[in-house]
N, C-alpha and C. Protein backbone atom coordinates (compact mmCIF):
# COMPACT_ATOMS: atom_id res chain seq x y z
N MET A 1 125.01 288.94 94.65
CA MET A 1 125.39 287.48 95.18
C MET A 1 124.15 287.47 96.49
N ARG A 2 123.58 286.64 96.66
CA ARG A 2 122.58 286.46 97.70
C ARG A 2 122.85 285.25 98.52
N ILE A 3 122.99 285.61 99.67
CA ILE A 3 123.31 284.24 100.69
C ILE A 3 122.12 283.99 101.14
N VAL A 4 121.66 282.68 101.24
CA VAL A 4 120.50 281.96 101.42
C VAL A 4 120.84 281.10 102.62
N LEU A 5 120.30 281.32 103.86
CA LEU A 5 120.24 280.52 104.94
C LEU A 5 118.92 279.75 105.26
N PRO A 6 119.22 278.33 105.76
CA PRO A 6 117.85 277.40 105.82
C PRO A 6 117.43 278.41 107.02
N LEU A 7 115.92 278.19 106.95
CA LEU A 7 115.20 278.74 108.10
C LEU A 7 115.17 277.91 109.45
N MET A 8 115.31 278.51 110.25
CA MET A 8 115.30 277.75 111.71
C MET A 8 113.77 277.56 112.16
N HIS A 9 113.18 276.35 111.93
CA HIS A 9 111.89 276.06 112.58
C HIS A 9 112.26 275.69 114.03
N ARG A 10 111.28 275.95 114.74
CA ARG A 10 111.24 275.32 116.03
C ARG A 10 110.53 274.05 116.07
N ARG A 11 111.12 272.89 116.89
CA ARG A 11 110.38 271.90 116.92
C ARG A 11 109.12 271.97 117.90
N ARG A 12 108.09 271.26 117.04
CA ARG A 12 106.74 271.42 117.54
C ARG A 12 106.34 270.59 118.69
N ASN A 13 107.25 269.41 118.93
CA ASN A 13 107.10 268.69 120.10
C ASN A 13 107.70 269.11 121.27
N PRO A 14 106.65 269.22 122.33
CA PRO A 14 107.24 269.71 123.32
C PRO A 14 108.28 269.15 124.05
N ILE A 15 108.41 267.60 124.17
CA ILE A 15 109.24 266.78 124.72
C ILE A 15 110.75 267.06 124.00
N ALA A 16 110.69 267.16 122.63
CA ALA A 16 111.81 267.80 121.99
C ALA A 16 112.35 268.78 122.53
N GLN A 17 111.62 270.15 122.51
CA GLN A 17 112.18 271.42 123.07
C GLN A 17 112.62 271.23 124.25
N ALA A 18 111.97 270.52 125.38
CA ALA A 18 112.48 270.41 126.54
C ALA A 18 113.89 269.51 126.41
N ILE A 19 113.90 268.59 125.87
CA ILE A 19 115.36 267.70 125.67
C ILE A 19 116.43 268.58 124.99
N SER A 20 116.22 269.50 123.97
CA SER A 20 117.08 270.06 123.52
C SER A 20 117.46 271.20 124.25
N LEU A 21 116.60 271.77 125.43
CA LEU A 21 116.84 272.80 126.44
C LEU A 21 117.94 272.36 127.22
N VAL A 22 117.43 271.11 127.86
CA VAL A 22 118.20 270.41 128.89
C VAL A 22 119.67 269.94 128.18
N LEU A 23 119.79 269.45 126.87
CA LEU A 23 121.24 269.32 126.38
C LEU A 23 122.02 270.52 126.12
N GLY A 24 121.26 271.78 125.91
CA GLY A 24 121.98 272.72 125.84
C GLY A 24 122.60 273.45 126.99
N LEU A 25 121.75 273.41 128.08
CA LEU A 25 121.96 273.90 129.69
C LEU A 25 123.35 272.73 129.76
N LEU A 26 123.12 271.71 129.74
CA LEU A 26 124.41 270.79 130.03
C LEU A 26 125.59 270.99 129.56
N VAL A 27 125.43 271.33 128.01
CA VAL A 27 127.07 271.60 127.40
C VAL A 27 127.36 273.12 127.82
N ILE A 28 126.40 274.05 128.18
CA ILE A 28 127.04 275.13 128.84
C ILE A 28 127.69 274.89 130.18
N GLY A 29 127.23 273.90 130.86
CA GLY A 29 127.46 273.79 132.33
C GLY A 29 128.94 272.92 131.89
N VAL A 30 129.04 272.18 131.29
CA VAL A 30 130.25 271.49 131.03
C VAL A 30 131.19 272.38 130.37
N LEU A 31 131.09 273.36 129.76
CA LEU A 31 132.08 274.28 129.18
C LEU A 31 132.51 275.03 130.47
N LEU A 32 131.36 275.59 131.24
CA LEU A 32 131.92 276.54 132.32
C LEU A 32 132.48 275.78 133.43
N VAL A 33 132.40 274.64 133.68
CA VAL A 33 133.22 273.70 134.82
C VAL A 33 134.45 273.55 134.07
N PHE A 34 134.67 273.09 132.89
CA PHE A 34 135.82 272.84 132.01
C PHE A 34 136.69 274.18 132.06
N GLY A 35 136.41 275.30 132.08
CA GLY A 35 136.74 276.64 131.98
C GLY A 35 137.36 276.87 133.50
N LEU A 36 136.65 276.86 134.43
CA LEU A 36 137.11 276.89 135.68
C LEU A 36 137.97 276.12 136.14
N VAL A 37 138.04 274.86 135.82
CA VAL A 37 139.24 273.92 136.07
C VAL A 37 140.58 274.30 135.45
N VAL A 38 140.38 274.76 134.14
CA VAL A 38 141.76 274.93 133.75
C VAL A 38 142.07 276.43 134.42
N ALA A 39 141.15 277.59 134.54
CA ALA A 39 141.72 278.74 135.21
C ALA A 39 142.26 278.17 136.64
N GLY A 40 141.77 277.35 137.27
CA GLY A 40 142.27 277.04 138.72
C GLY A 40 143.45 276.25 138.60
N VAL A 41 143.82 275.60 137.56
CA VAL A 41 145.02 274.82 137.41
C VAL A 41 146.05 275.70 137.11
N LEU A 42 145.67 276.81 136.11
CA LEU A 42 146.54 277.68 135.79
C LEU A 42 147.26 278.77 136.93
N MET A 43 146.17 278.83 138.15
CA MET A 43 146.26 279.75 139.17
C MET A 43 147.20 279.38 140.05
N VAL A 44 147.07 277.94 140.33
CA VAL A 44 147.84 277.08 141.44
C VAL A 44 149.11 276.86 140.69
N GLY A 45 149.20 276.46 139.39
CA GLY A 45 150.42 276.37 138.83
C GLY A 45 151.33 277.58 138.78
N GLY A 46 150.72 278.85 138.40
CA GLY A 46 151.56 280.14 138.35
C GLY A 46 151.65 280.40 139.97
N ALA A 47 151.24 280.16 140.85
CA ALA A 47 151.41 280.36 142.49
C ALA A 47 152.69 279.52 142.85
N LEU A 48 152.36 278.07 142.47
CA LEU A 48 153.64 277.36 142.87
C LEU A 48 154.98 277.63 142.08
N TRP A 49 154.81 278.12 140.66
CA TRP A 49 155.93 278.48 140.10
C TRP A 49 156.36 279.79 140.71
N LEU A 50 155.90 280.86 141.07
CA LEU A 50 156.48 281.95 141.70
C LEU A 50 157.14 281.45 142.85
N VAL A 51 156.64 280.68 143.83
CA VAL A 51 156.91 280.53 145.44
C VAL A 51 158.32 279.61 145.08
N TRP A 52 158.35 278.79 144.04
CA TRP A 52 159.80 277.96 143.63
C TRP A 52 160.70 278.84 143.03
N ARG A 53 160.37 279.73 142.37
CA ARG A 53 161.44 281.01 141.83
C ARG A 53 161.94 281.59 142.82
N GLN A 54 161.15 282.08 143.82
CA GLN A 54 161.38 282.98 144.86
C GLN A 54 162.28 282.07 145.90
N TRP A 55 161.86 280.96 146.28
CA TRP A 55 162.48 279.85 146.97
C TRP A 55 164.19 279.68 146.54
N LYS A 56 164.07 279.61 145.15
CA LYS A 56 165.41 279.16 144.28
C LYS A 56 166.37 280.60 144.35
N LEU A 57 165.70 281.46 144.35
CA LEU A 57 166.36 282.79 144.34
C LEU A 57 167.04 283.12 145.89
N HIS A 58 166.37 282.65 146.75
CA HIS A 58 166.45 282.93 148.03
C HIS A 58 167.83 282.11 148.59
N ARG A 59 167.50 280.97 148.03
CA ARG A 59 168.53 280.03 148.21
C ARG A 59 170.12 280.07 147.57
N VAL A 60 170.07 280.75 146.40
CA VAL A 60 171.22 281.08 145.95
C VAL A 60 171.96 282.21 146.30
N SER A 61 171.32 283.35 146.60
CA SER A 61 171.72 284.47 147.19
C SER A 61 172.19 284.43 148.67
N GLY A 62 171.63 283.57 149.40
CA GLY A 62 172.05 283.24 150.79
C GLY A 62 170.96 284.01 151.67
N SER A 63 170.74 285.29 151.26
CA SER A 63 169.90 286.21 151.85
C SER A 63 169.24 287.01 151.26
N PRO A 64 167.96 287.44 151.26
CA PRO A 64 167.11 288.25 150.24
C PRO A 64 167.97 289.50 149.87
N ARG A 65 168.67 290.08 151.04
CA ARG A 65 169.24 291.53 150.71
C ARG A 65 170.70 291.40 150.40
N ALA A 66 171.20 290.11 150.10
CA ALA A 66 172.73 290.29 149.76
C ALA A 66 172.90 290.95 148.48
N GLU A 67 174.14 291.81 148.65
CA GLU A 67 174.49 292.69 147.33
C GLU A 67 175.19 291.81 146.48
N ARG A 68 174.98 292.05 145.16
CA ARG A 68 175.59 291.32 144.02
C ARG A 68 176.30 292.21 143.45
N GLN A 69 177.45 291.53 142.71
CA GLN A 69 178.20 292.31 141.80
C GLN A 69 177.58 292.71 140.54
N PRO A 70 177.40 293.83 140.08
CA PRO A 70 176.77 294.19 138.76
C PRO A 70 177.40 293.52 137.42
N GLU A 71 176.53 292.87 136.82
CA GLU A 71 177.08 292.53 135.52
C GLU A 71 177.48 293.48 134.44
N VAL A 72 178.70 293.11 134.16
CA VAL A 72 179.39 293.92 133.27
C VAL A 72 179.69 293.33 131.89
N LEU A 73 179.21 293.99 130.82
CA LEU A 73 179.26 293.25 129.27
C LEU A 73 180.86 294.31 128.81
N GLU A 74 181.97 293.28 128.48
CA GLU A 74 182.96 293.85 127.99
C GLU A 74 183.07 293.54 126.41
N GLY A 75 183.41 294.65 125.67
CA GLY A 75 183.55 294.54 124.50
C GLY A 75 184.45 295.58 123.56
N GLU A 76 184.41 295.63 122.34
CA GLU A 76 185.19 296.61 121.81
C GLU A 76 184.10 297.55 121.08
N TYR A 77 184.22 298.89 120.75
CA TYR A 77 183.12 299.83 120.17
C TYR A 77 183.51 300.57 119.21
N VAL A 78 183.10 300.63 118.10
CA VAL A 78 183.55 301.61 117.19
C VAL A 78 182.53 302.33 116.80
N VAL A 79 183.15 303.80 116.85
CA VAL A 79 182.07 304.83 116.36
C VAL A 79 182.23 305.14 114.88
N ILE A 80 180.95 304.88 114.21
CA ILE A 80 180.80 305.09 112.77
C ILE A 80 180.01 306.23 112.44
N ARG A 81 180.76 307.08 111.46
CA ARG A 81 180.22 308.34 111.32
C ARG A 81 179.39 308.28 110.05
N ASP A 82 178.47 309.28 109.67
CA ASP A 82 177.77 309.09 108.69
C ASP A 82 178.35 309.70 107.44
N SER A 83 179.38 310.43 107.49
CA SER A 83 179.95 311.15 106.38
C SER A 83 180.73 310.28 105.53
N ARG A 84 181.59 309.37 105.91
CA ARG A 84 182.11 308.21 105.46
C ARG A 84 181.82 306.77 105.26
N PRO A 85 181.90 306.23 104.23
CA PRO A 85 181.67 304.81 104.22
C PRO A 85 182.42 303.91 104.97
N VAL A 86 181.95 302.82 105.64
CA VAL A 86 182.79 301.99 106.44
C VAL A 86 183.02 300.62 105.64
N ALA A 87 184.25 300.21 105.57
CA ALA A 87 184.45 298.66 104.82
C ALA A 87 185.12 297.93 105.97
N HIS A 88 184.51 296.72 106.19
CA HIS A 88 184.86 295.96 106.80
C HIS A 88 185.59 294.51 106.48
C-alpha cells in the first residue's frame, strides 16, 4: 500500500506569496494573543479563588491559628481472617 500525497507547489506570483505570508503571520499572532488572554484569565481567576478561599477559612475559624477539634470517624470494625470464609 502506497500513500500518495499531492505535491505542494509554491505560488509563482510574488503578491500571492506575500499575502499568504501575511495571513499566516496574522493567524499565528491571533492564536498567540488568544492563548495569552486565556492564560491570563486562568491565572487571575486562580489567584482570586485562592484569596477567596483563604478569606473564607479565616472568617470561619476566627483566627488563623485557632485549634480545631480533630475529625473522628466512628464505626464498627470486623477482623476477617483468611483461614475461614465469612458469611454475611
